[in-house]
PDB file of N, CA and C in Angstrom:
ATOM      1  N   MET A   1       0.833  -1.169   0.000  1.00  0.00           N
ATOM      2  CA  MET A   1       0.000   0.000   0.000  1.00  0.00           C
ATOM      3  C   MET A   1       0.883   1.241   0.000  1.00  0.00           C
ATOM      4  N   GLN A   2       0.570   2.195  -0.852  1.00  0.00           N
ATOM      5  CA  GLN A   2       1.330   3.433  -0.989  1.00  0.00           C
ATOM      6  C   GLN A   2       0.627   4.579  -0.257  1.00  0.00           C
ATOM      7  N   ILE A   3       1.421   5.463   0.337  1.00  0.00           N
ATOM      8  CA  ILE A   3       0.891   6.680   0.941  1.00  0.00           C
ATOM      9  C   ILE A   3       1.715   7.863   0.464  1.00  0.00           C
ATOM     10  N   ASN A   4       1.161   9.047   0.612  1.00  0.00           N
ATOM     11  CA  ASN A   4       1.891  10.274   0.326  1.00  0.00           C
ATOM     12  C   ASN A   4       2.337  10.878   1.650  1.00  0.00           C
ATOM     13  N   ILE A   5       3.583  11.337   1.670  1.00  0.00           N
ATOM     14  CA  ILE A   5       4.139  11.977   2.864  1.00  0.00           C
ATOM     15  C   ILE A   5       5.013  13.130   2.394  1.00  0.00           C
ATOM     16  N   GLY A   6       5.004  14.196   3.151  1.00  0.00           N
ATOM     17  CA  GLY A   6       5.779  15.369   2.781  1.00  0.00           C
ATOM     18  C   GLY A   6       7.014  15.533   3.636  1.00  0.00           C
ATOM     19  N   ALA A   7       8.031  16.158   3.056  1.00  0.00           N
ATOM     20  CA  ALA A   7       9.231  16.477   3.829  1.00  0.00           C
ATOM     21  C   ALA A   7       8.879  17.393   4.994  1.00  0.00           C
ATOM     22  N   ASP A   8       7.832  18.212   4.834  1.00  0.00           N
ATOM     23  CA  ASP A   8       7.417  19.085   5.935  1.00  0.00           C
ATOM     24  C   ASP A   8       6.980  18.279   7.150  1.00  0.00           C
ATOM     25  N   GLU A   9       6.280  17.170   6.920  1.00  0.00           N
ATOM     26  CA  GLU A   9       5.860  16.309   8.034  1.00  0.00           C
ATOM     27  C   GLU A   9       7.070  15.714   8.746  1.00  0.00           C
ATOM     28  N   LEU A  10       8.065  15.325   7.960  1.00  0.00           N
ATOM     29  CA  LEU A  10       9.262  14.716   8.538  1.00  0.00           C
ATOM     30  C   LEU A  10      10.111  15.752   9.270  1.00  0.00           C
ATOM     31  N   ILE A  11      10.180  16.961   8.720  1.00  0.00           N
ATOM     32  CA  ILE A  11      10.905  18.041   9.395  1.00  0.00           C
ATOM     33  C   ILE A  11      10.211  18.383  10.710  1.00  0.00           C
ATOM     34  N   LEU A  12       8.886  18.441  10.697  1.00  0.00           N
ATOM     35  CA  LEU A  12       8.145  18.698  11.930  1.00  0.00           C
ATOM     36  C   LEU A  12       8.452  17.619  12.964  1.00  0.00           C
ATOM     37  N   TRP A  13       8.466  16.370  12.547  1.00  0.00           N
ATOM     38  CA  TRP A  13       8.780  15.264  13.463  1.00  0.00           C
ATOM     39  C   TRP A  13      10.181  15.443  14.042  1.00  0.00           C
ATOM     40  N   LEU A  14      11.141  15.777  13.176  1.00  0.00           N
ATOM     41  CA  LEU A  14      12.512  16.002  13.649  1.00  0.00           C
ATOM     42  C   LEU A  14      12.561  17.129  14.677  1.00  0.00           C
ATOM     43  N   ARG A  15      11.870  18.221  14.397  1.00  0.00           N
ATOM     44  CA  ARG A  15      11.879  19.372  15.317  1.00  0.00           C
ATOM     45  C   ARG A  15      11.201  19.019  16.643  1.00  0.00           C
ATOM     46  N   LYS A  16      10.065  18.329  16.579  1.00  0.00           N
ATOM     47  CA  LYS A  16       9.335  17.973  17.795  1.00  0.00           C
ATOM     48  C   LYS A  16      10.127  17.015  18.675  1.00  0.00           C
ATOM     49  N   ASN A  17      11.009  16.236  18.070  1.00  0.00           N
ATOM     50  CA  ASN A  17      11.780  15.241  18.804  1.00  0.00           C
ATOM     51  C   ASN A  17      13.231  15.661  19.027  1.00  0.00           C
ATOM     52  N   ASN A  18      13.481  16.963  18.867  1.00  0.00           N
ATOM     53  CA  ASN A  18      14.813  17.538  19.121  1.00  0.00           C
ATOM     54  C   ASN A  18      15.923  16.846  18.335  1.00  0.00           C
ATOM     55  N   LYS A  19      15.637  16.527  17.097  1.00  0.00           N
ATOM     56  CA  LYS A  19      16.628  15.939  16.189  1.00  0.00           C
ATOM     57  C   LYS A  19      17.075  17.028  15.208  1.00  0.00           C
ATOM     58  N   ALA A  20      18.221  16.863  14.645  1.00  0.00           N
ATOM     59  CA  ALA A  20      18.750  17.767  13.625  1.00  0.00           C
ATOM     60  C   ALA A  20      18.738  19.220  14.107  1.00  0.00           C
ATOM     61  N   ILE A  21      19.095  19.413  15.361  1.00  0.00           N
ATOM     62  CA  ILE A  21      19.105  20.748  15.952  1.00  0.00           C
ATOM     63  C   ILE A  21      20.145  21.612  15.238  1.00  0.00           C
ATOM     64  N   GLY A  22      19.712  22.802  14.841  1.00  0.00           N
ATOM     65  CA  GLY A  22      20.601  23.736  14.167  1.00  0.00           C
ATOM     66  C   GLY A  22      20.796  23.462  12.680  1.00  0.00           C
ATOM     67  N   VAL A  23      20.142  22.443  12.153  1.00  0.00           N
ATOM     68  CA  VAL A  23      20.271  22.114  10.728  1.00  0.00           C
ATOM     69  C   VAL A  23      19.161  22.841   9.972  1.00  0.00           C
ATOM     70  N   GLU A  24      19.514  23.547   8.919  1.00  0.00           N
ATOM     71  CA  GLU A  24      18.543  24.300   8.130  1.00  0.00           C
ATOM     72  C   GLU A  24      17.602  23.364   7.385  1.00  0.00           C
ATOM     73  N   ASN A  25      16.383  23.837   7.145  1.00  0.00           N
ATOM     74  CA  ASN A  25      15.384  23.036   6.446  1.00  0.00           C
ATOM     75  C   ASN A  25      15.840  22.594   5.064  1.00  0.00           C
ATOM     76  N   ILE A  26      16.551  23.460   4.353  1.00  0.00           N
ATOM     77  CA  ILE A  26      17.008  23.102   3.002  1.00  0.00           C
ATOM     78  C   ILE A  26      17.957  21.902   3.057  1.00  0.00           C
ATOM     79  N   VAL A  27      18.804  21.858   4.078  1.00  0.00           N
ATOM     80  CA  VAL A  27      19.731  20.734   4.259  1.00  0.00           C
ATOM     81  C   VAL A  27      18.943  19.477   4.619  1.00  0.00           C
ATOM     82  N   LEU A  28      17.980  19.621   5.526  1.00  0.00           N
ATOM     83  CA  LEU A  28      17.138  18.473   5.889  1.00  0.00           C
ATOM     84  C   LEU A  28      16.383  17.957   4.677  1.00  0.00           C
ATOM     85  N   GLY A  29      15.851  18.868   3.872  1.00  0.00           N
ATOM     86  CA  GLY A  29      15.118  18.463   2.672  1.00  0.00           C
ATOM     87  C   GLY A  29      15.967  17.626   1.727  1.00  0.00           C
ATOM     88  N   ARG A  30      17.219  18.027   1.557  1.00  0.00           N
ATOM     89  CA  ARG A  30      18.133  17.264   0.684  1.00  0.00           C
ATOM     90  C   ARG A  30      18.416  15.877   1.258  1.00  0.00           C
ATOM     91  N   LYS A  31      18.608  15.826   2.573  1.00  0.00           N
ATOM     92  CA  LYS A  31      18.855  14.531   3.216  1.00  0.00           C
ATOM     93  C   LYS A  31      17.616  13.642   3.144  1.00  0.00           C
ATOM     94  N   ILE A  32      16.441  14.247   3.284  1.00  0.00           N
ATOM     95  CA  ILE A  32      15.196  13.486   3.240  1.00  0.00           C
ATOM     96  C   ILE A  32      14.980  12.887   1.863  1.00  0.00           C
ATOM     97  N   ILE A  33      15.223  13.657   0.799  1.00  0.00           N
ATOM     98  CA  ILE A  33      15.019  13.103  -0.549  1.00  0.00           C
ATOM     99  C   ILE A  33      15.981  11.940  -0.783  1.00  0.00           C
ATOM    100  N   ASP A  34      17.216  12.055  -0.315  1.00  0.00           N
ATOM    101  CA  ASP A  34      18.166  10.954  -0.465  1.00  0.00           C
ATOM    102  C   ASP A  34      17.693   9.725   0.308  1.00  0.00           C
ATOM    103  N   LEU A  35      17.258   9.936   1.541  1.00  0.00           N
ATOM    104  CA  LEU A  35      16.797   8.830   2.369  1.00  0.00           C
ATOM    105  C   LEU A  35      15.587   8.142   1.747  1.00  0.00           C
ATOM    106  N   ILE A  36      14.597   8.918   1.350  1.00  0.00           N
ATOM    107  CA  ILE A  36      13.374   8.323   0.805  1.00  0.00           C
ATOM    108  C   ILE A  36      13.637   7.600  -0.501  1.00  0.00           C
ATOM    109  N   THR A  37      14.413   8.186  -1.389  1.00  0.00           N
ATOM    110  CA  THR A  37      14.689   7.501  -2.656  1.00  0.00           C
ATOM    111  C   THR A  37      15.528   6.246  -2.429  1.00  0.00           C
ATOM    112  N   ASN A  38      16.444   6.274  -1.457  1.00  0.00           N
ATOM    113  CA  ASN A  38      17.224   5.074  -1.134  1.00  0.00           C
ATOM    114  C   ASN A  38      16.342   3.961  -0.570  1.00  0.00           C
ATOM    115  N   LEU A  39      15.241   4.351   0.072  1.00  0.00           N
ATOM    116  CA  LEU A  39      14.309   3.358   0.621  1.00  0.00           C
ATOM    117  C   LEU A  39      13.245   2.939  -0.399  1.00  0.00           C
ATOM    118  N   GLY A  40      13.309   3.481  -1.609  1.00  0.00           N
ATOM    119  CA  GLY A  40      12.382   3.076  -2.661  1.00  0.00           C
ATOM    120  C   GLY A  40      11.208   4.002  -2.888  1.00  0.00           C
ATOM    121  N   GLY A  41      11.177   5.138  -2.196  1.00  0.00           N
ATOM    122  CA  GLY A  41      10.106   6.112  -2.401  1.00  0.00           C
ATOM    123  C   GLY A  41      10.337   6.940  -3.647  1.00  0.00           C
ATOM    124  N   GLN A  42       9.276   7.609  -4.088  1.00  0.00           N
ATOM    125  CA  GLN A  42       9.332   8.416  -5.299  1.00  0.00           C
ATOM    126  C   GLN A  42       8.872   9.847  -5.011  1.00  0.00           C
ATOM    127  N   PRO A  43       9.611  10.858  -5.461  1.00  0.00           N
ATOM    128  CA  PRO A  43       9.090  12.228  -5.367  1.00  0.00           C
ATOM    129  C   PRO A  43       7.866  12.361  -6.274  1.00  0.00           C
ATOM    130  N   ILE A  44       6.834  13.046  -5.787  1.00  0.00           N
ATOM    131  CA  ILE A  44       5.639  13.224  -6.623  1.00  0.00           C
ATOM    132  C   ILE A  44       5.290  14.686  -6.850  1.00  0.00           C
ATOM    133  N   VAL A  45       5.621  15.563  -5.914  1.00  0.00           N
ATOM    134  CA  VAL A  45       5.310  16.985  -6.062  1.00  0.00           C
ATOM    135  C   VAL A  45       6.502  17.784  -5.570  1.00  0.00           C
ATOM    136  N   ASP A  46       6.900  18.766  -6.358  1.00  0.00           N
ATOM    137  CA  ASP A  46       8.030  19.614  -6.026  1.00  0.00           C
ATOM    138  C   ASP A  46       7.543  20.925  -5.427  1.00  0.00           C
ATOM    139  N   ASN A  47       8.098  21.323  -4.307  1.00  0.00           N
ATOM    140  CA  ASN A  47       7.822  22.619  -3.688  1.00  0.00           C
ATOM    141  C   ASN A  47       6.348  22.899  -3.447  1.00  0.00           C
ATOM    142  N   GLN A  48       5.682  21.985  -2.817  1.00  0.00           N
ATOM    143  CA  GLN A  48       4.280  22.144  -2.427  1.00  0.00           C
ATOM    144  C   GLN A  48       4.210  23.031  -1.187  1.00  0.00           C
ATOM    145  N   PRO A  49       3.292  24.022  -1.138  1.00  0.00           N
ATOM    146  CA  PRO A  49       3.181  24.820   0.090  1.00  0.00           C
ATOM    147  C   PRO A  49       2.847  23.931   1.285  1.00  0.00           C
ATOM    148  N   SER A  50       3.526  24.164   2.387  1.00  0.00           N
ATOM    149  CA  SER A  50       3.236  23.433   3.616  1.00  0.00           C
ATOM    150  C   SER A  50       1.893  23.905   4.162  1.00  0.00           C
ATOM    151  N   ILE A  51       1.155  23.012   4.748  1.00  0.00           N
ATOM    152  CA  ILE A  51      -0.191  23.343   5.206  1.00  0.00           C
ATOM    153  C   ILE A  51      -0.180  24.456   6.235  1.00  0.00           C
ATOM    154  N   TRP A  52       0.768  24.444   7.159  1.00  0.00           N
ATOM    155  CA  TRP A  52       0.769  25.472   8.190  1.00  0.00           C
ATOM    156  C   TRP A  52       1.206  26.827   7.664  1.00  0.00           C
ATOM    157  N   ALA A  53       1.705  26.887   6.426  1.00  0.00           N
ATOM    158  CA  ALA A  53       2.149  28.160   5.860  1.00  0.00           C
ATOM    159  C   ALA A  53       1.004  29.170   5.775  1.00  0.00           C
ATOM    160  N   ASN A  54      -0.212  28.720   5.656  1.00  0.00           N
ATOM    161  CA  ASN A  54      -1.352  29.625   5.584  1.00  0.00           C
ATOM    162  C   ASN A  54      -1.791  30.113   6.955  1.00  0.00           C
ATOM    163  N   ASP A  55      -1.417  29.402   7.998  1.00  0.00           N
ATOM    164  CA  ASP A  55      -1.891  29.712   9.338  1.00  0.00           C
ATOM    165  C   ASP A  55      -0.874  30.435  10.214  1.00  0.00           C
ATOM    166  N   LEU A  56       0.392  30.371   9.881  1.00  0.00           N
ATOM    167  CA  LEU A  56       1.434  30.966  10.704  1.00  0.00           C
ATOM    168  C   LEU A  56       2.169  32.059   9.939  1.00  0.00           C
ATOM    169  N   SER A  57       2.591  33.069  10.641  1.00  0.00           N
ATOM    170  CA  SER A  57       3.404  34.108  10.017  1.00  0.00           C
ATOM    171  C   SER A  57       4.796  33.552   9.721  1.00  0.00           C
ATOM    172  N   ASP A  58       5.519  34.253   8.852  1.00  0.00           N
ATOM    173  CA  ASP A  58       6.893  33.846   8.545  1.00  0.00           C
ATOM    174  C   ASP A  58       7.757  33.836   9.808  1.00  0.00           C
ATOM    175  N   VAL A  59       7.528  34.783  10.713  1.00  0.00           N
ATOM    176  CA  VAL A  59       8.302  34.857  11.950  1.00  0.00           C
ATOM    177  C   VAL A  59       8.036  33.622  12.808  1.00  0.00           C
ATOM    178  N   ALA A  60       6.762  33.245  12.946  1.00  0.00           N
ATOM    179  CA  ALA A  60       6.417  32.064  13.750  1.00  0.00           C
ATOM    180  C   ALA A  60       6.993  30.804  13.125  1.00  0.00           C
ATOM    181  N   MET A  61       6.927  30.699  11.803  1.00  0.00           N
ATOM    182  CA  MET A  61       7.467  29.515  11.131  1.00  0.00           C
ATOM    183  C   MET A  61       8.976  29.421  11.339  1.00  0.00           C
ATOM    184  N   ALA A  62       9.662  30.550  11.252  1.00  0.00           N
ATOM    185  CA  ALA A  62      11.110  30.565  11.455  1.00  0.00           C
ATOM    186  C   ALA A  62      11.449  30.186  12.894  1.00  0.00           C
ATOM    187  N   ARG A  63      10.688  30.719  13.857  1.00  0.00           N
ATOM    188  CA  ARG A  63      10.936  30.420  15.266  1.00  0.00           C
ATOM    189  C   ARG A  63      10.754  28.933  15.555  1.00  0.00           C
ATOM    190  N   LEU A  64       9.778  28.322  14.903  1.00  0.00           N
ATOM    191  CA  LEU A  64       9.499  26.901  15.117  1.00  0.00           C
ATOM    192  C   LEU A  64      10.334  25.988  14.217  1.00  0.00           C
ATOM    193  N   GLY A  65      11.050  26.569  13.256  1.00  0.00           N
ATOM    194  CA  GLY A  65      11.878  25.776  12.358  1.00  0.00           C
ATOM    195  C   GLY A  65      11.074  25.035  11.307  1.00  0.00           C
ATOM    196  N   LEU A  66       9.912  25.575  10.919  1.00  0.00           N
ATOM    197  CA  LEU A  66       9.049  24.900   9.948  1.00  0.00           C
ATOM    198  C   LEU A  66       9.307  25.413   8.534  1.00  0.00           C
ATOM    199  N   ALA A  67       9.126  24.539   7.581  1.00  0.00           N
ATOM    200  CA  ALA A  67       9.339  24.872   6.175  1.00  0.00           C
ATOM    201  C   ALA A  67       8.103  25.534   5.567  1.00  0.00           C
ATOM    202  N   LYS A  68       8.314  26.500   4.650  1.00  0.00           N
ATOM    203  CA  LYS A  68       7.206  27.131   3.934  1.00  0.00           C
ATOM    204  C   LYS A  68       6.705  26.228   2.818  1.00  0.00           C
ATOM    205  N   THR A  69       7.640  25.561   2.160  1.00  0.00           N
ATOM    206  CA  THR A  69       7.292  24.629   1.082  1.00  0.00           C
ATOM    207  C   THR A  69       8.067  23.340   1.291  1.00  0.00           C
ATOM    208  N   SER A  70       7.613  22.279   0.642  1.00  0.00           N
ATOM    209  CA  SER A  70       8.315  21.005   0.796  1.00  0.00           C
ATOM    210  C   SER A  70       7.999  20.065  -0.350  1.00  0.00           C
ATOM    211  N   GLU A  71       8.888  19.112  -0.505  1.00  0.00           N
ATOM    212  CA  GLU A  71       8.686  18.041  -1.470  1.00  0.00           C
ATOM    213  C   GLU A  71       7.653  17.068  -0.901  1.00  0.00           C
ATOM    214  N   GLN A  72       6.942  16.412  -1.787  1.00  0.00           N
ATOM    215  CA  GLN A  72       5.987  15.378  -1.392  1.00  0.00           C
ATOM    216  C   GLN A  72       6.435  14.070  -2.039  1.00  0.00           C
ATOM    217  N   TYR A  73       6.223  12.971  -1.333  1.00  0.00           N
ATOM    218  CA  TYR A  73       6.701  11.668  -1.792  1.00  0.00           C
ATOM    219  C   TYR A  73       5.606  10.625  -1.700  1.00  0.00           C
ATOM    220  N   GLU A  74       5.736   9.619  -2.544  1.00  0.00           N
ATOM    221  CA  GLU A  74       4.899   8.431  -2.445  1.00  0.00           C
ATOM    222  C   GLU A  74       5.797   7.302  -1.963  1.00  0.00           C
ATOM    223  N   ILE A  75       5.388   6.678  -0.847  1.00  0.00           N
ATOM    224  CA  ILE A  75       6.184   5.595  -0.289  1.00  0.00           C
ATOM    225  C   ILE A  75       5.289   4.424   0.081  1.00  0.00           C
ATOM    226  N   ASP A  76       5.880   3.277   0.146  1.00  0.00           N
ATOM    227  CA  ASP A  76       5.176   2.088   0.616  1.00  0.00           C
ATOM    228  C   ASP A  76       5.144   2.142   2.138  1.00  0.00           C
ATOM    229  N   ILE A  77       4.005   1.841   2.733  1.00  0.00           N
ATOM    230  CA  ILE A  77       3.904   1.923   4.195  1.00  0.00           C
ATOM    231  C   ILE A  77       4.876   0.973   4.885  1.00  0.00           C
ATOM    232  N   ALA A  78       5.322  -0.036   4.186  1.00  0.00           N
ATOM    233  CA  ALA A  78       6.256  -0.995   4.782  1.00  0.00           C
ATOM    234  C   ALA A  78       7.601  -0.351   5.126  1.00  0.00           C
ATOM    235  N   ILE A  79       7.950   0.780   4.486  1.00  0.00           N
ATOM    236  CA  ILE A  79       9.236   1.412   4.780  1.00  0.00           C
ATOM    237  C   ILE A  79       9.143   2.450   5.904  1.00  0.00           C
ATOM    238  N   LEU A  80       7.939   2.733   6.409  1.00  0.00           N
ATOM    239  CA  LEU A  80       7.813   3.725   7.481  1.00  0.00           C
ATOM    240  C   LEU A  80       8.681   3.422   8.701  1.00  0.00           C
ATOM    241  N   PRO A  81       8.704   2.186   9.201  1.00  0.00           N
ATOM    242  CA  PRO A  81       9.579   1.929  10.352  1.00  0.00           C
ATOM    243  C   PRO A  81      11.048   2.229  10.063  1.00  0.00           C
ATOM    244  N   LYS A  82      11.530   1.848   8.913  1.00  0.00           N
ATOM    245  CA  LYS A  82      12.927   2.103   8.546  1.00  0.00           C
ATOM    246  C   LYS A  82      13.168   3.603   8.376  1.00  0.00           C
ATOM    247  N   LEU A  83      12.212   4.298   7.780  1.00  0.00           N
ATOM    248  CA  LEU A  83      12.326   5.738   7.592  1.00  0.00           C
ATOM    249  C   LEU A  83      12.497   6.445   8.935  1.00  0.00           C
ATOM    250  N   TYR A  84      11.624   6.149   9.882  1.00  0.00           N
ATOM    251  CA  TYR A  84      11.714   6.800  11.193  1.00  0.00           C
ATOM    252  C   TYR A  84      12.911   6.322  11.995  1.00  0.00           C
ATOM    253  N   GLU A  85      13.300   5.071  11.805  1.00  0.00           N
ATOM    254  CA  GLU A  85      14.512   4.572  12.464  1.00  0.00           C
ATOM    255  C   GLU A  85      15.727   5.397  12.024  1.00  0.00           C
ATOM    256  N   GLU A  86      15.807   5.658  10.728  1.00  0.00           N
ATOM    257  CA  GLU A  86      16.915   6.458  10.212  1.00  0.00           C
ATOM    258  C   GLU A  86      16.842   7.904  10.718  1.00  0.00           C
ATOM    259  N   LEU A  87      15.642   8.464  10.759  1.00  0.00           N
ATOM    260  CA  LEU A  87      15.487   9.839  11.220  1.00  0.00           C
ATOM    261  C   LEU A  87      15.904  10.008  12.676  1.00  0.00           C
ATOM    262  N   THR A  88      15.723   8.975  13.474  1.00  0.00           N
ATOM    263  CA  THR A  88      16.117   9.074  14.889  1.00  0.00           C
ATOM    264  C   THR A  88      17.629   9.236  15.051  1.00  0.00           C
ATOM    265  N   LYS A  89      18.381   8.885  14.038  1.00  0.00           N
ATOM    266  CA  LYS A  89      19.847   9.005  14.093  1.00  0.00           C
ATOM    267  C   LYS A  89      20.347  10.399  13.713  1.00  0.00           C
ATOM    268  N   TRP A  90      19.443  11.265  13.259  1.00  0.00           N
ATOM    269  CA  TRP A  90      19.859  12.606  12.839  1.00  0.00           C
ATOM    270  C   TRP A  90      20.006  13.440  14.035  1.00  0.00           C
TER     271      TRP A  90
END
């Protein structure tokens, strides 16, 4: 079974779990695309506006470390455990 997941969701997870502290979103985005494609996922949408971009000011987004736009991917749900396992190492 395939699902769609965005780099913004993964960046939010990293921020909420105090991972990748001090790493810019653009750097995280590049690492995420490498990780997902290595796990067999496919990019499906380039630079999609993040959902919270409509609800938060640029200042609030910067303070929280959230991305304004992000890549979207299609992945098999079977790789979710491996994806998050790898993210915990960041």
